[in-house]
Amino acid sequence: MKPLPAPNVPGKTEAERFDNALRKIFRVSKDDLLKREAEWKRARARKRQAKKD
């Protein structure tokens, strides 16, 4: 199994790209997290409903 390619992160040096990547990961707004969680819950409910039918 091949590993996924590295995501495209802006930066001139390797350290700058690493810093930007970490910043991208750890600086997620609470609204975005809540939105993703709600989407996940809806998808999970749809799957459960499909299994029951």
N, C-alpha and C. Protein backbone atom coordinates (compact mmCIF):
# COMPACT_ATOMS: atom_id res chain seq x y z
N MET A 1 0.84 -1.17 0.00
CA MET A 1 0.00 0.00 0.00
C MET A 1 0.89 1.24 0.00
N LYS A 2 0.61 2.13 -0.92
CA LYS A 2 1.42 3.34 -1.03
C LYS A 2 0.95 4.39 -0.02
N PRO A 3 1.87 5.12 0.58
CA PRO A 3 1.46 6.22 1.47
C PRO A 3 0.90 7.37 0.64
N LEU A 4 0.06 8.15 1.27
CA LEU A 4 -0.50 9.32 0.60
C LEU A 4 0.57 10.36 0.38
N PRO A 5 0.49 11.13 -0.70
CA PRO A 5 1.49 12.18 -0.92
C PRO A 5 1.32 13.30 0.12
N ALA A 6 2.39 14.01 0.34
CA ALA A 6 2.36 15.11 1.31
C ALA A 6 1.43 16.21 0.80
N PRO A 7 0.66 16.81 1.70
CA PRO A 7 -0.23 17.90 1.26
C PRO A 7 0.58 19.13 0.86
N ASN A 8 -0.01 19.94 0.01
CA ASN A 8 0.65 21.16 -0.45
C ASN A 8 0.52 22.22 0.63
N VAL A 9 1.64 22.54 1.30
CA VAL A 9 1.66 23.55 2.35
C VAL A 9 2.60 24.66 1.91
N PRO A 10 2.16 25.92 1.96
CA PRO A 10 3.03 27.02 1.53
C PRO A 10 4.21 27.23 2.47
N GLY A 11 5.31 27.67 1.91
CA GLY A 11 6.50 28.00 2.69
C GLY A 11 7.74 27.85 1.84
N LYS A 12 8.76 28.65 2.15
CA LYS A 12 9.99 28.62 1.35
C LYS A 12 10.94 27.53 1.83
N THR A 13 11.04 27.34 3.14
CA THR A 13 11.96 26.34 3.68
C THR A 13 11.16 25.20 4.30
N GLU A 14 11.85 24.12 4.58
CA GLU A 14 11.19 22.96 5.19
C GLU A 14 10.63 23.31 6.57
N ALA A 15 11.37 24.09 7.34
CA ALA A 15 10.91 24.48 8.67
C ALA A 15 9.67 25.38 8.58
N GLU A 16 9.66 26.28 7.62
CA GLU A 16 8.51 27.16 7.46
C GLU A 16 7.26 26.37 7.03
N ARG A 17 7.45 25.40 6.14
CA ARG A 17 6.33 24.55 5.73
C ARG A 17 5.81 23.73 6.90
N PHE A 18 6.74 23.21 7.72
CA PHE A 18 6.34 22.44 8.90
C PHE A 18 5.54 23.31 9.87
N ASP A 19 6.01 24.53 10.10
CA ASP A 19 5.33 25.46 10.99
C ASP A 19 3.94 25.79 10.46
N ASN A 20 3.83 26.04 9.16
CA ASN A 20 2.53 26.34 8.57
C ASN A 20 1.58 25.15 8.65
N ALA A 21 2.12 23.94 8.48
CA ALA A 21 1.29 22.74 8.56
C ALA A 21 0.74 22.56 9.98
N LEU A 22 1.59 22.75 10.98
CA LEU A 22 1.13 22.63 12.37
C LEU A 22 0.10 23.70 12.70
N ARG A 23 0.32 24.89 12.23
CA ARG A 23 -0.61 25.98 12.47
C ARG A 23 -1.97 25.66 11.83
N LYS A 24 -1.94 25.07 10.65
CA LYS A 24 -3.17 24.70 9.95
C LYS A 24 -3.95 23.64 10.74
N ILE A 25 -3.23 22.72 11.36
CA ILE A 25 -3.87 21.64 12.11
C ILE A 25 -4.45 22.15 13.43
N PHE A 26 -3.68 22.93 14.16
CA PHE A 26 -4.09 23.30 15.51
C PHE A 26 -4.95 24.55 15.60
N ARG A 27 -5.11 25.29 14.53
CA ARG A 27 -5.91 26.51 14.57
C ARG A 27 -7.22 26.32 13.81
N VAL A 28 -8.02 25.40 14.28
CA VAL A 28 -9.33 25.14 13.69
C VAL A 28 -10.36 25.80 14.60
N SER A 29 -11.29 26.53 14.00
CA SER A 29 -12.27 27.23 14.81
C SER A 29 -13.28 26.26 15.41
N LYS A 30 -13.86 26.67 16.51
CA LYS A 30 -14.84 25.83 17.19
C LYS A 30 -16.07 25.63 16.31
N ASP A 31 -16.45 26.65 15.55
CA ASP A 31 -17.60 26.52 14.65
C ASP A 31 -17.36 25.43 13.61
N ASP A 32 -16.15 25.38 13.06
CA ASP A 32 -15.83 24.34 12.08
C ASP A 32 -15.90 22.96 12.71
N LEU A 33 -15.40 22.84 13.93
CA LEU A 33 -15.45 21.55 14.61
C LEU A 33 -16.89 21.11 14.86
N LEU A 34 -17.71 22.04 15.31
CA LEU A 34 -19.11 21.71 15.58
C LEU A 34 -19.85 21.34 14.29
N LYS A 35 -19.53 22.03 13.21
CA LYS A 35 -20.16 21.74 11.93
C LYS A 35 -19.79 20.33 11.45
N ARG A 36 -18.51 19.99 11.55
CA ARG A 36 -18.07 18.66 11.13
C ARG A 36 -18.69 17.57 12.00
N GLU A 37 -18.77 17.84 13.30
CA GLU A 37 -19.37 16.87 14.21
C GLU A 37 -20.84 16.65 13.87
N ALA A 38 -21.57 17.71 13.55
CA ALA A 38 -22.97 17.60 13.18
C ALA A 38 -23.13 16.80 11.88
N GLU A 39 -22.25 17.05 10.91
CA GLU A 39 -22.29 16.29 9.66
C GLU A 39 -22.04 14.81 9.92
N TRP A 40 -21.08 14.53 10.78
CA TRP A 40 -20.75 13.14 11.10
C TRP A 40 -21.94 12.45 11.77
N LYS A 41 -22.60 13.16 12.69
CA LYS A 41 -23.75 12.59 13.38
C LYS A 41 -24.89 12.31 12.41
N ARG A 42 -25.14 13.24 11.47
CA ARG A 42 -26.20 13.04 10.49
C ARG A 42 -25.89 11.84 9.60
N ALA A 43 -24.65 11.72 9.16
CA ALA A 43 -24.26 10.59 8.31
C ALA A 43 -24.40 9.28 9.07
N ARG A 44 -24.02 9.29 10.31
CA ARG A 44 -24.12 8.08 11.13
C ARG A 44 -25.58 7.69 11.32
N ALA A 45 -26.45 8.68 11.55
CA ALA A 45 -27.87 8.41 11.72
C ALA A 45 -28.47 7.84 10.43
N ARG A 46 -28.06 8.38 9.28
CA ARG A 46 -28.55 7.86 8.00
C ARG A 46 -28.13 6.41 7.81
N LYS A 47 -26.90 6.08 8.17
CA LYS A 47 -26.42 4.70 8.02
C LYS A 47 -27.21 3.76 8.93
N ARG A 48 -27.44 4.20 10.16
CA ARG A 48 -28.21 3.37 11.08
C ARG A 48 -29.64 3.15 10.59
N GLN A 49 -30.25 4.23 10.05
CA GLN A 49 -31.61 4.13 9.54
C GLN A 49 -31.65 3.18 8.35
N ALA A 50 -30.65 3.23 7.49
CA ALA A 50 -30.60 2.35 6.32
C ALA A 50 -30.46 0.89 6.74
N LYS A 51 -29.72 0.62 7.80
CA LYS A 51 -29.58 -0.75 8.28
C LYS A 51 -30.89 -1.29 8.84
N LYS A 52 -31.66 -0.41 9.51
CA LYS A 52 -32.93 -0.83 10.10
C LYS A 52 -33.96 -1.17 9.02
N ASP A 53 -33.90 -0.46 7.91
CA ASP A 53 -34.89 -0.67 6.83
C ASP A 53 -34.55 -1.87 6.04
